[in-house]
């Protein structure tokens, strides 16, 4: 094998954070990645929901984006740091994750989301929890369900493409992937503001429609 081939093979085995993940058994290949997805999603949901209490769009967007960036740095070498079923599906279709791990990742992410939401409900005062609607959002005035679905598809595509190009594709992947992914989350939130309900605290009093 030539030096060039060795470098390519080494690069292909590198994770988002630049380190080679250890995959020497069922624990490292299956259990540990799913545990990382579970814990990562739980932490993300908790911090992201709490950031909404700021009442400021930029703070909320950065709260989501920076949290994802930090979690990608921390868990990227373990699970790939997907933290999103759509990202997991995109990475799987792109050849970055074995199909056999897809259901387990989804289950872990769902469970982590439930745990994170439960922690939010259990730690925030009732008045604060009600003011952020439990971290949920609603469609804005005159935005139909179909339109809202299309918007979500477009914004999710931005995130998934960022993950694929910055962290999965061998020719374009970068060690700056955590920042790119975090910024993708932040700009998606800022862009989606236009179509969200003006009743949410972090949205300007001026209605978008």
C-alpha atoms as a PDB file:
ATOM      1  CA  UNK A   1       0.000   0.000   0.000  1.00  0.00           C
ATOM      2  CA  UNK A   2       1.374   3.406  -0.971  1.00  0.00           C
ATOM      3  CA  UNK A   3       1.828   6.310   1.425  1.00  0.00           C
ATOM      4  CA  UNK A   4      -1.035   8.127  -0.281  1.00  0.00           C
ATOM      5  CA  UNK A   5      -3.388   5.160   0.201  1.00  0.00           C
ATOM      6  CA  UNK A   6      -2.424   4.877   3.846  1.00  0.00           C
ATOM      7  CA  UNK A   7      -3.182   8.556   4.388  1.00  0.00           C
ATOM      8  CA  UNK A   8      -6.559   8.224   2.651  1.00  0.00           C
ATOM      9  CA  UNK A   9      -7.506   5.180   4.730  1.00  0.00           C
ATOM     10  CA  UNK A  10      -6.408   6.926   7.913  1.00  0.00           C
ATOM     11  CA  UNK A  11      -8.416  10.022   7.026  1.00  0.00           C
ATOM     12  CA  UNK A  12     -11.508   7.959   6.230  1.00  0.00           C
ATOM     13  CA  UNK A  13     -11.411   6.444   9.718  1.00  0.00           C
ATOM     14  CA  UNK A  14     -11.216   9.803  11.461  1.00  0.00           C
ATOM     15  CA  UNK A  15     -14.298  11.103  13.250  1.00  0.00           C
ATOM     16  CA  UNK A  16     -15.708  14.626  13.341  1.00  0.00           C
ATOM     17  CA  UNK A  17     -13.325  15.652  16.115  1.00  0.00           C
ATOM     18  CA  UNK A  18     -10.292  14.266  14.299  1.00  0.00           C
ATOM     19  CA  UNK A  19      -9.711  11.219  16.454  1.00  0.00           C
ATOM     20  CA  UNK A  20      -9.933   7.586  15.376  1.00  0.00           C
ATOM     21  CA  UNK A  21     -12.855   5.912  17.177  1.00  0.00           C
ATOM     22  CA  UNK A  22     -12.118   2.618  18.897  1.00  0.00           C
ATOM     23  CA  UNK A  23     -14.301  -0.135  17.463  1.00  0.00           C
ATOM     24  CA  UNK A  24     -13.114  -3.408  18.983  1.00  0.00           C
ATOM     25  CA  UNK A  25     -16.332  -5.068  20.059  1.00  0.00           C
ATOM     26  CA  UNK A  26     -20.074  -4.795  20.562  1.00  0.00           C
ATOM     27  CA  UNK A  27     -19.693  -2.286  23.373  1.00  0.00           C
ATOM     28  CA  UNK A  28     -17.592   0.151  21.327  1.00  0.00           C
ATOM     29  CA  UNK A  29     -19.493  -0.393  18.073  1.00  0.00           C
ATOM     30  CA  UNK A  30     -23.055  -0.442  19.387  1.00  0.00           C
ATOM     31  CA  UNK A  31     -23.673   0.250  23.073  1.00  0.00           C
ATOM     32  CA  UNK A  32     -21.327   3.169  23.621  1.00  0.00           C
ATOM     33  CA  UNK A  33     -22.449   5.121  20.506  1.00  0.00           C
ATOM     34  CA  UNK A  34     -26.107   4.695  21.422  1.00  0.00           C
ATOM     35  CA  UNK A  35     -25.407   5.775  24.986  1.00  0.00           C
ATOM     36  CA  UNK A  36     -23.633   8.846  23.618  1.00  0.00           C
ATOM     37  CA  UNK A  37     -26.637   9.694  21.439  1.00  0.00           C
ATOM     38  CA  UNK A  38     -28.982   9.230  24.399  1.00  0.00           C
ATOM     39  CA  UNK A  39     -26.966  11.458  26.741  1.00  0.00           C
ATOM     40  CA  UNK A  40     -26.205  14.027  24.031  1.00  0.00           C
ATOM     41  CA  UNK A  41     -29.830  14.511  23.019  1.00  0.00           C
ATOM     42  CA  UNK A  42     -30.937  14.750  26.657  1.00  0.00           C
ATOM     43  CA  UNK A  43     -28.369  17.469  27.353  1.00  0.00           C
ATOM     44  CA  UNK A  44     -29.212  19.312  24.152  1.00  0.00           C
ATOM     45  CA  UNK A  45     -32.956  19.348  24.821  1.00  0.00           C
ATOM     46  CA  UNK A  46     -32.434  20.586  28.362  1.00  0.00           C
ATOM     47  CA  UNK A  47     -30.013  23.401  27.538  1.00  0.00           C
ATOM     48  CA  UNK A  48     -31.860  24.409  24.364  1.00  0.00           C
ATOM     49  CA  UNK A  49     -35.215  24.650  26.133  1.00  0.00           C
ATOM     50  CA  UNK A  50     -33.700  26.635  28.997  1.00  0.00           C
ATOM     51  CA  UNK A  51     -32.144  29.079  26.509  1.00  0.00           C
ATOM     52  CA  UNK A  52     -35.638  30.028  25.342  1.00  0.00           C
ATOM     53  CA  UNK A  53     -36.262  31.680  28.696  1.00  0.00           C
ATOM     54  CA  UNK A  54     -33.946  34.499  27.660  1.00  0.00           C
ATOM     55  CA  UNK A  55     -36.734  35.942  25.538  1.00  0.00           C
ATOM     56  CA  UNK A  56     -34.172  36.864  22.869  1.00  0.00           C
ATOM     57  CA  UNK A  57     -33.943  35.255  19.430  1.00  0.00           C
ATOM     58  CA  UNK A  58     -30.152  35.507  19.116  1.00  0.00           C
ATOM     59  CA  UNK A  59     -29.614  34.060  22.583  1.00  0.00           C
ATOM     60  CA  UNK A  60     -31.991  31.206  21.841  1.00  0.00           C
ATOM     61  CA  UNK A  61     -30.388  30.475  18.466  1.00  0.00           C
ATOM     62  CA  UNK A  62     -26.861  30.580  19.873  1.00  0.00           C
ATOM     63  CA  UNK A  63     -27.954  28.506  22.860  1.00  0.00           C
ATOM     64  CA  UNK A  64     -29.040  25.747  20.495  1.00  0.00           C
ATOM     65  CA  UNK A  65     -26.112  26.075  18.089  1.00  0.00           C
ATOM     66  CA  UNK A  66     -23.284  26.346  20.611  1.00  0.00           C
ATOM     67  CA  UNK A  67     -24.667  23.435  22.606  1.00  0.00           C
ATOM     68  CA  UNK A  68     -24.645  21.257  19.506  1.00  0.00           C
ATOM     69  CA  UNK A  69     -21.096  22.390  18.661  1.00  0.00           C
ATOM     70  CA  UNK A  70     -19.840  21.463  22.119  1.00  0.00           C
ATOM     71  CA  UNK A  71     -21.613  18.104  22.075  1.00  0.00           C
ATOM     72  CA  UNK A  72     -20.184  17.300  18.646  1.00  0.00           C
ATOM     73  CA  UNK A  73     -16.688  17.980  19.967  1.00  0.00           C
ATOM     74  CA  UNK A  74     -17.352  15.785  22.982  1.00  0.00           C
ATOM     75  CA  UNK A  75     -19.209  12.880  21.420  1.00  0.00           C
ATOM     76  CA  UNK A  76     -18.127  13.040  17.775  1.00  0.00           C
ATOM     77  CA  UNK A  77     -15.484  10.360  18.163  1.00  0.00           C
ATOM     78  CA  UNK A  78     -17.932   8.028  19.893  1.00  0.00           C
ATOM     79  CA  UNK A  79     -21.157   8.111  17.894  1.00  0.00           C
ATOM     80  CA  UNK A  80     -20.648  10.729  15.186  1.00  0.00           C
ATOM     81  CA  UNK A  81     -22.762  13.099  17.297  1.00  0.00           C
ATOM     82  CA  UNK A  82     -25.922  13.018  15.192  1.00  0.00           C
ATOM     83  CA  UNK A  83     -28.426  13.969  17.914  1.00  0.00           C
ATOM     84  CA  UNK A  84     -31.176  14.121  15.300  1.00  0.00           C
ATOM     85  CA  UNK A  85     -33.065  11.288  13.534  1.00  0.00           C
ATOM     86  CA  UNK A  86     -32.959  13.169  10.220  1.00  0.00           C
ATOM     87  CA  UNK A  87     -29.186  13.544  10.492  1.00  0.00           C
ATOM     88  CA  UNK A  88     -28.832   9.845  11.285  1.00  0.00           C
ATOM     89  CA  UNK A  89     -30.901   8.952   8.239  1.00  0.00           C
ATOM     90  CA  UNK A  90     -28.852  11.259   6.032  1.00  0.00           C
ATOM     91  CA  UNK A  91     -25.546   9.902   7.333  1.00  0.00           C
ATOM     92  CA  UNK A  92     -26.767   6.331   6.836  1.00  0.00           C
ATOM     93  CA  UNK A  93     -27.821   7.041   3.236  1.00  0.00           C
ATOM     94  CA  UNK A  94     -24.466   8.703   2.702  1.00  0.00           C
ATOM     95  CA  UNK A  95     -22.629   5.591   3.832  1.00  0.00           C
ATOM     96  CA  UNK A  96     -21.391   7.024   7.105  1.00  0.00           C
ATOM     97  CA  UNK A  97     -23.315   4.652   9.375  1.00  0.00           C
ATOM     98  CA  UNK A  98     -24.212   0.956   9.028  1.00  0.00           C
ATOM     99  CA  UNK A  99     -27.916   0.432   8.368  1.00  0.00           C
ATOM    100  CA  UNK A 100     -28.027  -2.054  11.235  1.00  0.00           C
ATOM    101  CA  UNK A 101     -27.333   0.761  13.724  1.00  0.00           C
ATOM    102  CA  UNK A 102     -30.047   3.090  12.404  1.00  0.00           C
ATOM    103  CA  UNK A 103     -32.958   1.789  14.557  1.00  0.00           C
ATOM    104  CA  UNK A 104     -30.838   1.796  17.698  1.00  0.00           C
ATOM    105  CA  UNK A 105     -29.718   5.376  17.090  1.00  0.00           C
ATOM    106  CA  UNK A 106     -33.316   6.485  16.612  1.00  0.00           C
ATOM    107  CA  UNK A 107     -34.460   4.767  19.801  1.00  0.00           C
ATOM    108  CA  UNK A 108     -31.580   6.296  21.759  1.00  0.00           C
ATOM    109  CA  UNK A 109     -32.331   9.776  20.386  1.00  0.00           C
ATOM    110  CA  UNK A 110     -36.035   9.478  21.180  1.00  0.00           C
ATOM    111  CA  UNK A 111     -35.290   8.284  24.692  1.00  0.00           C
ATOM    112  CA  UNK A 112     -32.785  11.076  25.227  1.00  0.00           C
ATOM    113  CA  UNK A 113     -35.301  13.644  24.032  1.00  0.00           C
ATOM    114  CA  UNK A 114     -37.904  12.349  26.474  1.00  0.00           C
ATOM    115  CA  UNK A 115     -35.410  12.446  29.344  1.00  0.00           C
ATOM    116  CA  UNK A 116     -34.273  15.956  28.474  1.00  0.00           C
ATOM    117  CA  UNK A 117     -37.870  17.205  28.290  1.00  0.00           C
ATOM    118  CA  UNK A 118     -38.643  15.533  31.620  1.00  0.00           C
ATOM    119  CA  UNK A 119     -35.689  17.277  33.262  1.00  0.00           C
ATOM    120  CA  UNK A 120     -36.883  20.601  31.855  1.00  0.00           C
ATOM    121  CA  UNK A 121     -40.360  19.987  33.258  1.00  0.00           C
ATOM    122  CA  UNK A 122     -39.008  18.909  36.620  1.00  0.00           C
ATOM    123  CA  UNK A 123     -36.510  21.725  37.161  1.00  0.00           C
ATOM    124  CA  UNK A 124     -38.130  24.844  35.725  1.00  0.00           C
ATOM    125  CA  UNK A 125     -40.745  26.702  37.782  1.00  0.00           C
ATOM    126  CA  UNK A 126     -44.247  26.221  36.426  1.00  0.00           C
ATOM    127  CA  UNK A 127     -44.501  29.868  35.374  1.00  0.00           C
ATOM    128  CA  UNK A 128     -41.261  29.725  33.407  1.00  0.00           C
ATOM    129  CA  UNK A 129     -42.179  26.390  31.840  1.00  0.00           C
ATOM    130  CA  UNK A 130     -45.529  27.813  30.730  1.00  0.00           C
ATOM    131  CA  UNK A 131     -43.922  30.979  29.350  1.00  0.00           C
ATOM    132  CA  UNK A 132     -41.732  28.965  26.954  1.00  0.00           C
ATOM    133  CA  UNK A 133     -44.568  26.532  26.165  1.00  0.00           C
ATOM    134  CA  UNK A 134     -42.399  23.675  27.336  1.00  0.00           C
ATOM    135  CA  UNK A 135     -39.881  24.459  24.618  1.00  0.00           C
ATOM    136  CA  UNK A 136     -42.332  23.907  21.766  1.00  0.00           C
ATOM    137  CA  UNK A 137     -43.174  26.275  18.924  1.00  0.00           C
ATOM    138  CA  UNK A 138     -46.253  26.933  16.833  1.00  0.00           C
ATOM    139  CA  UNK A 139     -46.944  27.927  13.272  1.00  0.00           C
ATOM    140  CA  UNK A 140     -47.317  31.629  12.675  1.00  0.00           C
ATOM    141  CA  UNK A 141     -50.427  33.384  11.519  1.00  0.00           C
ATOM    142  CA  UNK A 142     -51.517  32.346   7.998  1.00  0.00           C
ATOM    143  CA  UNK A 143     -48.878  29.586   7.867  1.00  0.00           C
ATOM    144  CA  UNK A 144     -50.628  26.353   6.869  1.00  0.00           C
ATOM    145  CA  UNK A 145     -49.555  22.893   8.003  1.00  0.00           C
ATOM    146  CA  UNK A 146     -48.307  22.081   4.508  1.00  0.00           C
ATOM    147  CA  UNK A 147     -46.268  25.247   4.328  1.00  0.00           C
ATOM    148  CA  UNK A 148     -44.851  24.584   7.772  1.00  0.00           C
ATOM    149  CA  UNK A 149     -43.873  21.058   6.745  1.00  0.00           C
ATOM    150  CA  UNK A 150     -42.083  22.365   3.649  1.00  0.00           C
ATOM    151  CA  UNK A 151     -40.217  24.930   5.739  1.00  0.00           C
ATOM    152  CA  UNK A 152     -39.070  22.210   8.120  1.00  0.00           C
ATOM    153  CA  UNK A 153     -37.888  20.089   5.202  1.00  0.00           C
ATOM    154  CA  UNK A 154     -35.821  22.944   3.762  1.00  0.00           C
ATOM    155  CA  UNK A 155     -34.272  23.920   7.104  1.00  0.00           C
ATOM    156  CA  UNK A 156     -33.538  20.299   7.988  1.00  0.00           C
ATOM    157  CA  UNK A 157     -31.873  19.886   4.597  1.00  0.00           C
ATOM    158  CA  UNK A 158     -29.501  22.726   5.464  1.00  0.00           C
ATOM    159  CA  UNK A 159     -28.487  20.926   8.661  1.00  0.00           C
ATOM    160  CA  UNK A 160     -28.147  17.476   7.123  1.00  0.00           C
ATOM    161  CA  UNK A 161     -26.125  18.760   4.161  1.00  0.00           C
ATOM    162  CA  UNK A 162     -23.823  20.609   6.542  1.00  0.00           C
ATOM    163  CA  UNK A 163     -23.212  17.421   8.506  1.00  0.00           C
ATOM    164  CA  UNK A 164     -22.630  15.366   5.369  1.00  0.00           C
ATOM    165  CA  UNK A 165     -20.262  17.832   3.726  1.00  0.00           C
ATOM    166  CA  UNK A 166     -18.386  19.002   6.820  1.00  0.00           C
ATOM    167  CA  UNK A 167     -18.172  15.773   8.782  1.00  0.00           C
ATOM    168  CA  UNK A 168     -18.835  12.747   6.567  1.00  0.00           C
ATOM    169  CA  UNK A 169     -17.673  13.307   2.990  1.00  0.00           C
ATOM    170  CA  UNK A 170     -14.006  12.358   2.755  1.00  0.00           C
ATOM    171  CA  UNK A 171     -13.150  15.127   0.289  1.00  0.00           C
ATOM    172  CA  UNK A 172     -14.823  18.000   2.127  1.00  0.00           C
ATOM    173  CA  UNK A 173     -14.806  17.014   5.808  1.00  0.00           C
ATOM    174  CA  UNK A 174     -13.146  19.487   8.143  1.00  0.00           C
ATOM    175  CA  UNK A 175     -12.051  19.726  11.769  1.00  0.00           C
ATOM    176  CA  UNK A 176     -14.227  22.834  11.891  1.00  0.00           C
ATOM    177  CA  UNK A 177     -17.295  20.623  11.463  1.00  0.00           C
ATOM    178  CA  UNK A 178     -18.538  21.202  15.053  1.00  0.00           C
ATOM    179  CA  UNK A 179     -18.692  24.950  14.439  1.00  0.00           C
ATOM    180  CA  UNK A 180     -20.290  24.503  11.012  1.00  0.00           C
ATOM    181  CA  UNK A 181     -22.968  22.213  12.430  1.00  0.00           C
ATOM    182  CA  UNK A 182     -23.612  24.516  15.368  1.00  0.00           C
ATOM    183  CA  UNK A 183     -23.975  27.519  13.076  1.00  0.00           C
ATOM    184  CA  UNK A 184     -26.326  25.533  10.832  1.00  0.00           C
ATOM    185  CA  UNK A 185     -28.590  24.929  13.818  1.00  0.00           C
ATOM    186  CA  UNK A 186     -28.464  28.599  14.797  1.00  0.00           C
ATOM    187  CA  UNK A 187     -29.221  29.976  11.336  1.00  0.00           C
ATOM    188  CA  UNK A 188     -32.066  27.487  10.919  1.00  0.00           C
ATOM    189  CA  UNK A 189     -33.658  28.839  14.093  1.00  0.00           C
ATOM    190  CA  UNK A 190     -33.195  32.425  12.970  1.00  0.00           C
ATOM    191  CA  UNK A 191     -34.606  31.682   9.522  1.00  0.00           C
ATOM    192  CA  UNK A 192     -37.553  29.760  10.961  1.00  0.00           C
ATOM    193  CA  UNK A 193     -38.504  32.735  13.108  1.00  0.00           C
ATOM    194  CA  UNK A 194     -40.438  34.304  10.262  1.00  0.00           C
ATOM    195  CA  UNK A 195     -42.829  31.373  10.212  1.00  0.00           C
ATOM    196  CA  UNK A 196     -43.238  30.895  13.967  1.00  0.00           C
ATOM    197  CA  UNK A 197     -46.065  32.042  16.176  1.00  0.00           C
ATOM    198  CA  UNK A 198     -45.722  35.630  17.469  1.00  0.00           C
ATOM    199  CA  UNK A 199     -46.956  34.328  20.815  1.00  0.00           C
ATOM    200  CA  UNK A 200     -43.516  32.902  21.551  1.00  0.00           C
ATOM    201  CA  UNK A 201     -41.491  35.082  23.939  1.00  0.00           C
ATOM    202  CA  UNK A 202     -38.334  35.252  21.846  1.00  0.00           C
ATOM    203  CA  UNK A 203     -40.146  36.691  18.843  1.00  0.00           C
ATOM    204  CA  UNK A 204     -40.528  40.396  18.238  1.00  0.00           C
ATOM    205  CA  UNK A 205     -43.859  41.942  19.043  1.00  0.00           C
ATOM    206  CA  UNK A 206     -44.232  42.836  15.401  1.00  0.00           C
ATOM    207  CA  UNK A 207     -46.143  40.018  13.756  1.00  0.00           C
ATOM    208  CA  UNK A 208     -44.416  38.479  10.718  1.00  0.00           C
ATOM    209  CA  UNK A 209     -47.726  38.242   8.890  1.00  0.00           C
END
